[in-house]
C-alpha atoms as a PDB file:
ATOM      1  CA  UNK A   1     101.416-163.708  85.899  1.00  0.00           C
ATOM      2  CA  UNK A   2     100.424-162.800  89.560  1.00  0.00           C
ATOM      3  CA  UNK A   3      96.934-163.720  90.454  1.00  0.00           C
ATOM      4  CA  UNK A   4      95.009-160.777  91.857  1.00  0.00           C
ATOM      5  CA  UNK A   5      92.683-161.584  94.765  1.00  0.00           C
ATOM      6  CA  UNK A   6      89.675-159.515  95.973  1.00  0.00           C
ATOM      7  CA  UNK A   7      88.638-158.772  99.553  1.00  0.00           C
ATOM      8  CA  UNK A   8      85.007-159.576 100.427  1.00  0.00           C
ATOM      9  CA  UNK A   9      83.047-157.714 103.096  1.00  0.00           C
ATOM     10  CA  UNK A  10      79.430-158.424 104.171  1.00  0.00           C
ATOM     11  CA  UNK A  11      77.285-155.492 105.140  1.00  0.00           C
ATOM     12  CA  UNK A  12      73.833-156.822 106.163  1.00  0.00           C
ATOM     13  CA  UNK A  13      72.559-158.738 103.186  1.00  0.00           C
ATOM     14  CA  UNK A  14      74.942-157.133 100.763  1.00  0.00           C
ATOM     15  CA  UNK A  15      78.371-158.580  99.819  1.00  0.00           C
ATOM     16  CA  UNK A  16      80.968-156.052  98.777  1.00  0.00           C
ATOM     17  CA  UNK A  17      84.148-156.933  96.815  1.00  0.00           C
ATOM     18  CA  UNK A  18      87.232-154.713  97.074  1.00  0.00           C
ATOM     19  CA  UNK A  19      90.625-154.473  95.500  1.00  0.00           C
ATOM     20  CA  UNK A  20      93.172-151.799  96.300  1.00  0.00           C
ATOM     21  CA  UNK A  21      90.568-149.865  98.295  1.00  0.00           C
ATOM     22  CA  UNK A  22      88.297-149.865  95.247  1.00  0.00           C
ATOM     23  CA  UNK A  23      84.773-151.283  95.190  1.00  0.00           C
ATOM     24  CA  UNK A  24      84.764-153.731  92.247  1.00  0.00           C
ATOM     25  CA  UNK A  25      81.501-155.658  92.714  1.00  0.00           C
ATOM     26  CA  UNK A  26      78.599-155.960  94.988  1.00  0.00           C
ATOM     27  CA  UNK A  27      75.335-157.985  95.357  1.00  0.00           C
ATOM     28  CA  UNK A  28      73.392-160.298  97.525  1.00  0.00           C
ATOM     29  CA  UNK A  29      74.509-163.594  96.061  1.00  0.00           C
ATOM     30  CA  UNK A  30      78.187-164.441  96.892  1.00  0.00           C
ATOM     31  CA  UNK A  31      78.780-166.604  93.886  1.00  0.00           C
ATOM     32  CA  UNK A  32      77.723-163.883  91.434  1.00  0.00           C
ATOM     33  CA  UNK A  33      79.679-161.192  93.271  1.00  0.00           C
ATOM     34  CA  UNK A  34      82.775-163.515  93.251  1.00  0.00           C
ATOM     35  CA  UNK A  35      82.448-164.177  89.500  1.00  0.00           C
ATOM     36  CA  UNK A  36      82.028-160.554  88.721  1.00  0.00           C
ATOM     37  CA  UNK A  37      85.022-159.548  90.944  1.00  0.00           C
ATOM     38  CA  UNK A  38      87.305-162.274  89.457  1.00  0.00           C
ATOM     39  CA  UNK A  39      86.327-161.261  85.909  1.00  0.00           C
ATOM     40  CA  UNK A  40      87.202-157.666  86.663  1.00  0.00           C
ATOM     41  CA  UNK A  41      90.663-158.628  88.176  1.00  0.00           C
ATOM     42  CA  UNK A  42      91.322-160.835  85.254  1.00  0.00           C
ATOM     43  CA  UNK A  43      90.876-157.927  82.839  1.00  0.00           C
ATOM     44  CA  UNK A  44      92.913-155.622  85.190  1.00  0.00           C
ATOM     45  CA  UNK A  45      95.713-158.222  85.378  1.00  0.00           C
ATOM     46  CA  UNK A  46      95.807-158.596  81.570  1.00  0.00           C
ATOM     47  CA  UNK A  47      95.873-154.712  81.150  1.00  0.00           C
ATOM     48  CA  UNK A  48      98.715-154.355  83.660  1.00  0.00           C
ATOM     49  CA  UNK A  49     100.627-157.191  82.016  1.00  0.00           C
ATOM     50  CA  UNK A  50     100.263-155.489  78.636  1.00  0.00           C
ATOM     51  CA  UNK A  51     101.557-152.231  80.240  1.00  0.00           C
ATOM     52  CA  UNK A  52     104.522-154.059  81.703  1.00  0.00           C
ATOM     53  CA  UNK A  53     105.448-155.439  78.379  1.00  0.00           C
ATOM     54  CA  UNK A  54     105.210-151.943  76.708  1.00  0.00           C
ATOM     55  CA  UNK A  55     107.339-150.406  79.417  1.00  0.00           C
ATOM     56  CA  UNK A  56     109.979-153.132  78.934  1.00  0.00           C
ATOM     57  CA  UNK A  57     109.916-152.356  75.223  1.00  0.00           C
ATOM     58  CA  UNK A  58     110.297-148.601  75.898  1.00  0.00           C
ATOM     59  CA  UNK A  59     113.407-149.208  78.106  1.00  0.00           C
ATOM     60  CA  UNK A  60     115.067-151.525  75.622  1.00  0.00           C
ATOM     61  CA  UNK A  61     118.394-150.540  74.110  1.00  0.00           C
ATOM     62  CA  UNK A  62     118.721-153.293  71.439  1.00  0.00           C
ATOM     63  CA  UNK A  63     116.546-155.567  69.401  1.00  0.00           C
ATOM     64  CA  UNK A  64     117.209-158.887  67.669  1.00  0.00           C
ATOM     65  CA  UNK A  65     115.306-159.291  64.394  1.00  0.00           C
ATOM     66  CA  UNK A  66     113.565-162.696  63.445  1.00  0.00           C
ATOM     67  CA  UNK A  67     116.715-163.540  61.236  1.00  0.00           C
ATOM     68  CA  UNK A  68     118.989-163.075  64.168  1.00  0.00           C
ATOM     69  CA  UNK A  69     120.406-159.681  63.271  1.00  0.00           C
ATOM     70  CA  UNK A  70     121.087-157.495  66.286  1.00  0.00           C
ATOM     71  CA  UNK A  71     120.616-153.662  66.378  1.00  0.00           C
ATOM     72  CA  UNK A  72     121.005-150.644  68.627  1.00  0.00           C
ATOM     73  CA  UNK A  73     117.822-148.692  69.194  1.00  0.00           C
ATOM     74  CA  UNK A  74     118.447-145.075  68.220  1.00  0.00           C
ATOM     75  CA  UNK A  75     114.948-143.761  68.766  1.00  0.00           C
ATOM     76  CA  UNK A  76     111.553-144.697  69.933  1.00  0.00           C
ATOM     77  CA  UNK A  77     108.675-142.365  69.126  1.00  0.00           C
ATOM     78  CA  UNK A  78     105.150-142.048  67.835  1.00  0.00           C
ATOM     79  CA  UNK A  79     104.333-141.672  64.097  1.00  0.00           C
ATOM     80  CA  UNK A  80     101.848-139.308  62.485  1.00  0.00           C
ATOM     81  CA  UNK A  81      98.889-141.530  63.280  1.00  0.00           C
ATOM     82  CA  UNK A  82      99.839-142.507  66.719  1.00  0.00           C
ATOM     83  CA  UNK A  83     101.680-145.697  65.748  1.00  0.00           C
ATOM     84  CA  UNK A  84     104.952-146.465  67.626  1.00  0.00           C
ATOM     85  CA  UNK A  85     108.095-146.360  65.520  1.00  0.00           C
ATOM     86  CA  UNK A  86     111.642-147.529  66.444  1.00  0.00           C
ATOM     87  CA  UNK A  87     114.774-146.578  64.586  1.00  0.00           C
ATOM     88  CA  UNK A  88     117.637-149.010  64.774  1.00  0.00           C
ATOM     89  CA  UNK A  89     121.231-149.167  63.699  1.00  0.00           C
ATOM     90  CA  UNK A  90     121.741-152.898  62.675  1.00  0.00           C
ATOM     91  CA  UNK A  91     125.059-154.806  63.014  1.00  0.00           C
ATOM     92  CA  UNK A  92     125.659-154.482  59.292  1.00  0.00           C
ATOM     93  CA  UNK A  93     125.620-150.619  59.658  1.00  0.00           C
ATOM     94  CA  UNK A  94     122.189-150.232  57.993  1.00  0.00           C
ATOM     95  CA  UNK A  95     119.727-147.829  59.703  1.00  0.00           C
ATOM     96  CA  UNK A  96     116.165-149.347  59.692  1.00  0.00           C
ATOM     97  CA  UNK A  97     112.808-148.264  61.054  1.00  0.00           C
ATOM     98  CA  UNK A  98     110.348-150.793  62.425  1.00  0.00           C
ATOM     99  CA  UNK A  99     106.567-150.321  63.168  1.00  0.00           C
ATOM    100  CA  UNK A 100     106.051-151.606  66.723  1.00  0.00           C
ATOM    101  CA  UNK A 101     102.339-151.569  67.166  1.00  0.00           C
ATOM    102  CA  UNK A 102      99.250-153.880  66.801  1.00  0.00           C
ATOM    103  CA  UNK A 103     101.397-157.023  67.137  1.00  0.00           C
ATOM    104  CA  UNK A 104     103.768-156.073  64.286  1.00  0.00           C
ATOM    105  CA  UNK A 105     106.726-156.590  66.682  1.00  0.00           C
ATOM    106  CA  UNK A 106     105.773-160.059  68.026  1.00  0.00           C
ATOM    107  CA  UNK A 107     108.826-161.756  66.384  1.00  0.00           C
ATOM    108  CA  UNK A 108     111.211-158.983  67.480  1.00  0.00           C
ATOM    109  CA  UNK A 109     113.235-159.690  70.681  1.00  0.00           C
ATOM    110  CA  UNK A 110     113.849-156.646  72.944  1.00  0.00           C
ATOM    111  CA  UNK A 111     116.932-156.462  75.030  1.00  0.00           C
ATOM    112  CA  UNK A 112     118.179-154.025  77.570  1.00  0.00           C
ATOM    113  CA  UNK A 113     121.993-153.886  77.588  1.00  0.00           C
ATOM    114  CA  UNK A 114     123.704-151.845  80.219  1.00  0.00           C
ATOM    115  CA  UNK A 115     126.220-149.491  78.509  1.00  0.00           C
ATOM    116  CA  UNK A 116     129.793-149.999  79.710  1.00  0.00           C
ATOM    117  CA  UNK A 117     131.155-147.144  81.614  1.00  0.00           C
ATOM    118  CA  UNK A 118     133.820-145.218  79.653  1.00  0.00           C
ATOM    119  CA  UNK A 119     137.314-145.936  80.620  1.00  0.00           C
ATOM    120  CA  UNK A 120     138.327-142.256  80.454  1.00  0.00           C
ATOM    121  CA  UNK A 121     136.912-138.755  80.166  1.00  0.00           C
ATOM    122  CA  UNK A 122     138.210-138.666  76.602  1.00  0.00           C
ATOM    123  CA  UNK A 123     136.417-141.809  75.633  1.00  0.00           C
ATOM    124  CA  UNK A 124     133.204-140.388  77.140  1.00  0.00           C
ATOM    125  CA  UNK A 125     133.596-137.252  75.039  1.00  0.00           C
ATOM    126  CA  UNK A 126     134.239-139.160  71.840  1.00  0.00           C
ATOM    127  CA  UNK A 127     131.328-141.438  72.505  1.00  0.00           C
ATOM    128  CA  UNK A 128     128.926-138.429  73.006  1.00  0.00           C
ATOM    129  CA  UNK A 129     130.238-136.905  69.751  1.00  0.00           C
ATOM    130  CA  UNK A 130     129.660-140.127  67.785  1.00  0.00           C
ATOM    131  CA  UNK A 131     126.013-140.360  68.815  1.00  0.00           C
ATOM    132  CA  UNK A 132     123.499-139.995  66.057  1.00  0.00           C
ATOM    133  CA  UNK A 133     120.124-138.117  66.397  1.00  0.00           C
ATOM    134  CA  UNK A 134     117.072-139.732  65.104  1.00  0.00           C
ATOM    135  CA  UNK A 135     116.103-136.841  62.772  1.00  0.00           C
ATOM    136  CA  UNK A 136     112.841-135.770  64.347  1.00  0.00           C
ATOM    137  CA  UNK A 137     112.415-132.083  65.627  1.00  0.00           C
ATOM    138  CA  UNK A 138     112.605-133.249  69.198  1.00  0.00           C
ATOM    139  CA  UNK A 139     115.698-135.337  68.696  1.00  0.00           C
ATOM    140  CA  UNK A 140     117.560-132.519  66.796  1.00  0.00           C
ATOM    141  CA  UNK A 141     116.695-129.981  69.542  1.00  0.00           C
ATOM    142  CA  UNK A 142     117.963-132.365  72.200  1.00  0.00           C
ATOM    143  CA  UNK A 143     121.111-132.968  70.127  1.00  0.00           C
ATOM    144  CA  UNK A 144     121.881-129.224  70.013  1.00  0.00           C
ATOM    145  CA  UNK A 145     121.577-129.143  73.797  1.00  0.00           C
ATOM    146  CA  UNK A 146     123.861-132.183  74.113  1.00  0.00           C
ATOM    147  CA  UNK A 147     126.479-130.614  71.734  1.00  0.00           C
ATOM    148  CA  UNK A 148     126.448-127.355  73.858  1.00  0.00           C
ATOM    149  CA  UNK A 149     127.228-129.410  76.905  1.00  0.00           C
ATOM    150  CA  UNK A 150     129.875-131.365  74.999  1.00  0.00           C
ATOM    151  CA  UNK A 151     131.674-128.201  73.966  1.00  0.00           C
ATOM    152  CA  UNK A 152     131.830-126.977  77.592  1.00  0.00           C
ATOM    153  CA  UNK A 153     132.970-130.413  78.914  1.00  0.00           C
ATOM    154  CA  UNK A 154     135.676-130.790  76.163  1.00  0.00           C
ATOM    155  CA  UNK A 155     136.940-127.227  76.787  1.00  0.00           C
ATOM    156  CA  UNK A 156     137.250-127.977  80.536  1.00  0.00           C
ATOM    157  CA  UNK A 157     138.939-131.314  79.774  1.00  0.00           C
ATOM    158  CA  UNK A 158     141.687-129.549  77.817  1.00  0.00           C
ATOM    159  CA  UNK A 159     142.702-127.486  80.803  1.00  0.00           C
ATOM    160  CA  UNK A 160     143.979-130.505  82.685  1.00  0.00           C
ATOM    161  CA  UNK A 161     144.887-132.895  79.871  1.00  0.00           C
ATOM    162  CA  UNK A 162     148.212-133.771  78.301  1.00  0.00           C
ATOM    163  CA  UNK A 163     149.301-132.150  75.029  1.00  0.00           C
ATOM    164  CA  UNK A 164     148.082-135.052  72.925  1.00  0.00           C
ATOM    165  CA  UNK A 165     144.682-135.153  74.758  1.00  0.00           C
ATOM    166  CA  UNK A 166     144.400-131.403  74.407  1.00  0.00           C
ATOM    167  CA  UNK A 167     144.673-131.762  70.739  1.00  0.00           C
ATOM    168  CA  UNK A 168     141.999-134.460  70.710  1.00  0.00           C
ATOM    169  CA  UNK A 169     139.810-132.337  72.905  1.00  0.00           C
ATOM    170  CA  UNK A 170     140.210-129.498  70.594  1.00  0.00           C
ATOM    171  CA  UNK A 171     139.203-131.637  67.582  1.00  0.00           C
ATOM    172  CA  UNK A 172     136.073-132.594  69.566  1.00  0.00           C
ATOM    173  CA  UNK A 173     135.127-128.953  70.073  1.00  0.00           C
ATOM    174  CA  UNK A 174     135.597-128.152  66.389  1.00  0.00           C
ATOM    175  CA  UNK A 175     133.568-131.188  65.292  1.00  0.00           C
ATOM    176  CA  UNK A 176     130.850-130.401  67.794  1.00  0.00           C
ATOM    177  CA  UNK A 177     130.552-126.745  66.692  1.00  0.00           C
ATOM    178  CA  UNK A 178     130.444-127.943  63.045  1.00  0.00           C
ATOM    179  CA  UNK A 179     127.715-130.523  63.797  1.00  0.00           C
ATOM    180  CA  UNK A 180     125.682-127.871  65.765  1.00  0.00           C
ATOM    181  CA  UNK A 181     125.505-125.696  62.663  1.00  0.00           C
ATOM    182  CA  UNK A 182     124.326-128.717  60.550  1.00  0.00           C
ATOM    183  CA  UNK A 183     121.799-129.781  63.077  1.00  0.00           C
ATOM    184  CA  UNK A 184     120.401-126.196  63.347  1.00  0.00           C
ATOM    185  CA  UNK A 185     120.023-126.011  59.601  1.00  0.00           C
ATOM    186  CA  UNK A 186     118.163-129.287  59.541  1.00  0.00           C
ATOM    187  CA  UNK A 187     115.963-128.244  62.397  1.00  0.00           C
ATOM    188  CA  UNK A 188     115.238-124.900  60.608  1.00  0.00           C
ATOM    189  CA  UNK A 189     114.359-126.881  57.513  1.00  0.00           C
ATOM    190  CA  UNK A 190     111.847-129.011  59.406  1.00  0.00           C
ATOM    191  CA  UNK A 191     110.278-125.986  61.091  1.00  0.00           C
ATOM    192  CA  UNK A 192     109.919-124.222  57.705  1.00  0.00           C
ATOM    193  CA  UNK A 193     108.309-127.305  56.254  1.00  0.00           C
ATOM    194  CA  UNK A 194     105.851-127.513  59.077  1.00  0.00           C
ATOM    195  CA  UNK A 195     105.102-123.763  58.582  1.00  0.00           C
ATOM    196  CA  UNK A 196     104.405-124.283  54.927  1.00  0.00           C
ATOM    197  CA  UNK A 197     102.259-127.248  55.594  1.00  0.00           C
ATOM    198  CA  UNK A 198      99.965-125.084  57.873  1.00  0.00           C
ATOM    199  CA  UNK A 199     100.006-122.058  55.573  1.00  0.00           C
ATOM    200  CA  UNK A 200      96.694-121.260  53.798  1.00  0.00           C
ATOM    201  CA  UNK A 201      96.758-121.913  50.018  1.00  0.00           C
ATOM    202  CA  UNK A 202      95.637-118.418  49.227  1.00  0.00           C
ATOM    203  CA  UNK A 203      95.242-115.081  51.045  1.00  0.00           C
ATOM    204  CA  UNK A 204      92.054-114.811  53.159  1.00  0.00           C
ATOM    205  CA  UNK A 205      89.447-112.561  51.529  1.00  0.00           C
ATOM    206  CA  UNK A 206      88.328-109.451  53.319  1.00  0.00           C
ATOM    207  CA  UNK A 207      85.406-110.060  55.551  1.00  0.00           C
ATOM    208  CA  UNK A 208      86.254-113.761  56.174  1.00  0.00           C
ATOM    209  CA  UNK A 209      85.795-115.116  59.601  1.00  0.00           C
ATOM    210  CA  UNK A 210      88.745-114.309  61.876  1.00  0.00           C
ATOM    211  CA  UNK A 211      91.107-117.364  62.060  1.00  0.00           C
ATOM    212  CA  UNK A 212      92.677-118.729  65.234  1.00  0.00           C
ATOM    213  CA  UNK A 213      96.410-117.986  65.437  1.00  0.00           C
ATOM    214  CA  UNK A 214      98.817-120.839  64.891  1.00  0.00           C
ATOM    215  CA  UNK A 215     101.667-118.920  66.558  1.00  0.00           C
ATOM    216  CA  UNK A 216     102.947-119.101  70.226  1.00  0.00           C
ATOM    217  CA  UNK A 217     101.111-117.442  73.066  1.00  0.00           C
ATOM    218  CA  UNK A 218      97.498-117.334  74.292  1.00  0.00           C
ATOM    219  CA  UNK A 219      94.584-117.947  72.012  1.00  0.00           C
ATOM    220  CA  UNK A 220      96.061-120.578  69.670  1.00  0.00           C
ATOM    221  CA  UNK A 221      93.591-123.163  68.453  1.00  0.00           C
ATOM    222  CA  UNK A 222      95.746-125.928  69.966  1.00  0.00           C
ATOM    223  CA  UNK A 223      95.894-124.198  73.368  1.00  0.00           C
ATOM    224  CA  UNK A 224      92.207-123.549  73.255  1.00  0.00           C
ATOM    225  CA  UNK A 225      91.421-127.249  72.543  1.00  0.00           C
ATOM    226  CA  UNK A 226      93.762-128.462  75.292  1.00  0.00           C
ATOM    227  CA  UNK A 227      92.415-125.924  77.834  1.00  0.00           C
ATOM    228  CA  UNK A 228      88.793-126.993  77.031  1.00  0.00           C
ATOM    229  CA  UNK A 229      89.792-130.623  77.619  1.00  0.00           C
ATOM    230  CA  UNK A 230      91.516-129.751  80.930  1.00  0.00           C
ATOM    231  CA  UNK A 231      88.541-127.654  82.068  1.00  0.00           C
ATOM    232  CA  UNK A 232      86.098-130.498  81.203  1.00  0.00           C
ATOM    233  CA  UNK A 233      88.172-133.075  83.170  1.00  0.00           C
ATOM    234  CA  UNK A 234      88.483-130.734  86.169  1.00  0.00           C
ATOM    235  CA  UNK A 235      84.616-130.700  86.380  1.00  0.00           C
ATOM    236  CA  UNK A 236      84.274-134.505  86.236  1.00  0.00           C
ATOM    237  CA  UNK A 237      82.812-136.515  89.090  1.00  0.00           C
ATOM    238  CA  UNK A 238      85.489-139.284  88.858  1.00  0.00           C
ATOM    239  CA  UNK A 239      83.703-141.809  91.232  1.00  0.00           C
ATOM    240  CA  UNK A 240      80.526-141.421  89.229  1.00  0.00           C
ATOM    241  CA  UNK A 241      82.493-141.648  85.926  1.00  0.00           C
ATOM    242  CA  UNK A 242      84.159-144.873  87.072  1.00  0.00           C
ATOM    243  CA  UNK A 243      80.838-146.383  88.171  1.00  0.00           C
ATOM    244  CA  UNK A 244      78.551-145.359  85.333  1.00  0.00           C
ATOM    245  CA  UNK A 245      80.949-144.372  82.497  1.00  0.00           C
ATOM    246  CA  UNK A 246      81.991-147.936  81.260  1.00  0.00           C
ATOM    247  CA  UNK A 247      78.361-149.054  80.827  1.00  0.00           C
ATOM    248  CA  UNK A 248      77.313-145.864  79.114  1.00  0.00           C
ATOM    249  CA  UNK A 249      80.418-146.100  76.828  1.00  0.00           C
ATOM    250  CA  UNK A 250      79.825-149.651  75.465  1.00  0.00           C
ATOM    251  CA  UNK A 251      76.045-148.982  74.943  1.00  0.00           C
ATOM    252  CA  UNK A 252      76.958-146.356  72.274  1.00  0.00           C
ATOM    253  CA  UNK A 253      79.266-148.743  70.425  1.00  0.00           C
ATOM    254  CA  UNK A 254      78.144-150.420  67.310  1.00  0.00           C
ATOM    255  CA  UNK A 255      78.131-154.272  67.488  1.00  0.00           C
ATOM    256  CA  UNK A 256      81.094-154.552  65.060  1.00  0.00           C
ATOM    257  CA  UNK A 257      83.364-152.518  67.380  1.00  0.00           C
ATOM    258  CA  UNK A 258      81.908-154.089  70.464  1.00  0.00           C
ATOM    259  CA  UNK A 259      82.808-157.582  69.350  1.00  0.00           C
ATOM    260  CA  UNK A 260      86.485-156.686  68.850  1.00  0.00           C
ATOM    261  CA  UNK A 261      88.155-156.431  72.248  1.00  0.00           C
ATOM    262  CA  UNK A 262      91.239-154.550  70.926  1.00  0.00           C
ATOM    263  CA  UNK A 263      89.184-151.918  69.096  1.00  0.00           C
ATOM    264  CA  UNK A 264      86.913-151.417  72.139  1.00  0.00           C
ATOM    265  CA  UNK A 265      89.935-150.961  74.426  1.00  0.00           C
ATOM    266  CA  UNK A 266      91.657-148.375  72.141  1.00  0.00           C
ATOM    267  CA  UNK A 267      88.419-146.408  71.891  1.00  0.00           C
ATOM    268  CA  UNK A 268      87.854-146.607  75.652  1.00  0.00           C
ATOM    269  CA  UNK A 269      91.526-145.519  76.294  1.00  0.00           C
ATOM    270  CA  UNK A 270      91.134-142.493  73.998  1.00  0.00           C
ATOM    271  CA  UNK A 271      87.879-141.773  75.732  1.00  0.00           C
ATOM    272  CA  UNK A 272      89.143-141.829  79.339  1.00  0.00           C
ATOM    273  CA  UNK A 273      92.374-139.964  78.521  1.00  0.00           C
ATOM    274  CA  UNK A 274      90.286-137.067  77.113  1.00  0.00           C
ATOM    275  CA  UNK A 275      88.069-137.187  80.228  1.00  0.00           C
ATOM    276  CA  UNK A 276      91.165-136.993  82.477  1.00  0.00           C
ATOM    277  CA  UNK A 277      93.211-134.535  80.444  1.00  0.00           C
ATOM    278  CA  UNK A 278      95.633-132.496  82.537  1.00  0.00           C
ATOM    279  CA  UNK A 279      96.179-135.081  85.179  1.00  0.00           C
ATOM    280  CA  UNK A 280      99.421-137.113  85.566  1.00  0.00           C
ATOM    281  CA  UNK A 281     101.039-139.597  87.948  1.00  0.00           C
ATOM    282  CA  UNK A 282     100.511-143.153  89.251  1.00  0.00           C
ATOM    283  CA  UNK A 283      96.982-142.283  90.645  1.00  0.00           C
ATOM    284  CA  UNK A 284      95.502-141.265  87.302  1.00  0.00           C
ATOM    285  CA  UNK A 285      97.283-144.258  85.620  1.00  0.00           C
ATOM    286  CA  UNK A 286      95.664-146.613  88.024  1.00  0.00           C
ATOM    287  CA  UNK A 287      92.300-144.889  87.559  1.00  0.00           C
ATOM    288  CA  UNK A 288      92.563-145.307  83.843  1.00  0.00           C
ATOM    289  CA  UNK A 289      93.413-149.024  84.243  1.00  0.00           C
ATOM    290  CA  UNK A 290      90.309-149.555  86.390  1.00  0.00           C
ATOM    291  CA  UNK A 291      88.185-147.780  83.806  1.00  0.00           C
ATOM    292  CA  UNK A 292      89.503-149.941  81.019  1.00  0.00           C
ATOM    293  CA  UNK A 293      89.003-153.153  83.080  1.00  0.00           C
ATOM    294  CA  UNK A 294      85.410-152.134  83.860  1.00  0.00           C
ATOM    295  CA  UNK A 295      84.780-151.251  80.119  1.00  0.00           C
ATOM    296  CA  UNK A 296      86.021-154.841  79.258  1.00  0.00           C
ATOM    297  CA  UNK A 297      83.588-156.305  81.740  1.00  0.00           C
ATOM    298  CA  UNK A 298      80.729-154.147  80.464  1.00  0.00           C
ATOM    299  CA  UNK A 299      81.683-154.984  76.841  1.00  0.00           C
ATOM    300  CA  UNK A 300      81.251-158.737  77.578  1.00  0.00           C
ATOM    301  CA  UNK A 301      77.909-158.288  79.241  1.00  0.00           C
ATOM    302  CA  UNK A 302      76.517-155.933  76.538  1.00  0.00           C
ATOM    303  CA  UNK A 303      77.759-158.255  73.776  1.00  0.00           C
ATOM    304  CA  UNK A 304      76.073-161.265  75.421  1.00  0.00           C
ATOM    305  CA  UNK A 305      72.811-159.268  75.692  1.00  0.00           C
ATOM    306  CA  UNK A 306      72.977-158.163  72.054  1.00  0.00           C
ATOM    307  CA  UNK A 307      73.642-161.710  71.007  1.00  0.00           C
ATOM    308  CA  UNK A 308      70.647-162.985  72.909  1.00  0.00           C
ATOM    309  CA  UNK A 309      68.471-160.283  71.475  1.00  0.00           C
ATOM    310  CA  UNK A 310      69.703-161.035  67.892  1.00  0.00           C
ATOM    311  CA  UNK A 311      69.034-164.709  68.331  1.00  0.00           C
ATOM    312  CA  UNK A 312      65.491-164.163  69.642  1.00  0.00           C
ATOM    313  CA  UNK A 313      64.789-161.836  66.750  1.00  0.00           C
ATOM    314  CA  UNK A 314      66.118-164.362  64.262  1.00  0.00           C
ATOM    315  CA  UNK A 315      63.961-167.087  65.787  1.00  0.00           C
ATOM    316  CA  UNK A 316      60.880-164.877  65.675  1.00  0.00           C
ATOM    317  CA  UNK A 317      61.485-164.047  62.045  1.00  0.00           C
ATOM    318  CA  UNK A 318      61.989-167.644  61.230  1.00  0.00           C
ATOM    319  CA  UNK A 319      58.740-168.607  62.856  1.00  0.00           C
ATOM    320  CA  UNK A 320      56.967-165.948  60.903  1.00  0.00           C
ATOM    321  CA  UNK A 321      58.443-167.208  57.572  1.00  0.00           C
ATOM    322  CA  UNK A 322      57.643-170.805  58.469  1.00  0.00           C
ATOM    323  CA  UNK A 323      54.037-169.856  59.312  1.00  0.00           C
ATOM    324  CA  UNK A 324      53.647-167.900  56.111  1.00  0.00           C
ATOM    325  CA  UNK A 325      54.948-170.825  54.093  1.00  0.00           C
ATOM    326  CA  UNK A 326      52.135-173.068  55.372  1.00  0.00           C
ATOM    327  CA  UNK A 327      49.412-170.826  54.101  1.00  0.00           C
ATOM    328  CA  UNK A 328      47.604-172.503  51.062  1.00  0.00           C
ATOM    329  CA  UNK A 329      48.142-170.917  47.757  1.00  0.00           C
ATOM    330  CA  UNK A 330      44.386-170.439  47.348  1.00  0.00           C
ATOM    331  CA  UNK A 331      44.312-168.346  50.407  1.00  0.00           C
ATOM    332  CA  UNK A 332      46.374-165.654  48.658  1.00  0.00           C
ATOM    333  CA  UNK A 333      43.491-164.984  46.360  1.00  0.00           C
ATOM    334  CA  UNK A 334      40.782-164.623  49.006  1.00  0.00           C
END
């Protein structure tokens, strides 16, 4: 892991610590400023390392299970509750799904295998036809688009191919058209299931409060929620949020959550993502990393303070109990 180093600047009696043009610590005692800056960079380095590992996993094409069985990754997506799921076709032909979050995939080896270039156009067309969609709405919609392109490519291929290859190209077109119908039916089934899941159990009574539309267009409850988040993030003072937000965030946490680094980080990530909704790119990713690193720094300091306070309270209570135990029994009846 690369060690991150801060840059120190003295302005009068104040010592400033910078990293990537960002002020990360300041004070009048160099040792304390250095300690605070190095702690911040340690958290930042850990967060970036975790992000690099997750990116490597997202780019992987194959996995190797703990028992040595290799499989090709067919899909990588988020589950209903935000967990990451990977769908794999194993060497034995079985399709399996693995949960890849919260350390569940520590024993799984991720590999990125460059696909060999097809030897011919026909091999490419056949390989595309043999691909298997994952089964989610997104993957089925993408598969329909792929099949549309495949039909066009196979039709063009037939114009310049030999008689035997023309026949194979024709078979690919027929198979692709047939699969498109099946995929459309599967996609329509999923859309119908989703519509039924959101349908009210009974008709609304006359005079009921008007419900937000679940259809497309302006005014949907989801659009309104997203628009409110984006409007709120647009009004943020990001410099102030980065300077004051981490400390305010950890103060509101209960001690149970504060003592767990993972839980605090997940809550902080959700918090800063909501505060920066609507922004994308490397700059906002870097900003969120800095916020998480400062939250971790604030978490440690707040936990240390709470521990000291709890210890003092316990000692005070123990002294009172000890003092009370020394009172003579006769004194209780005075």
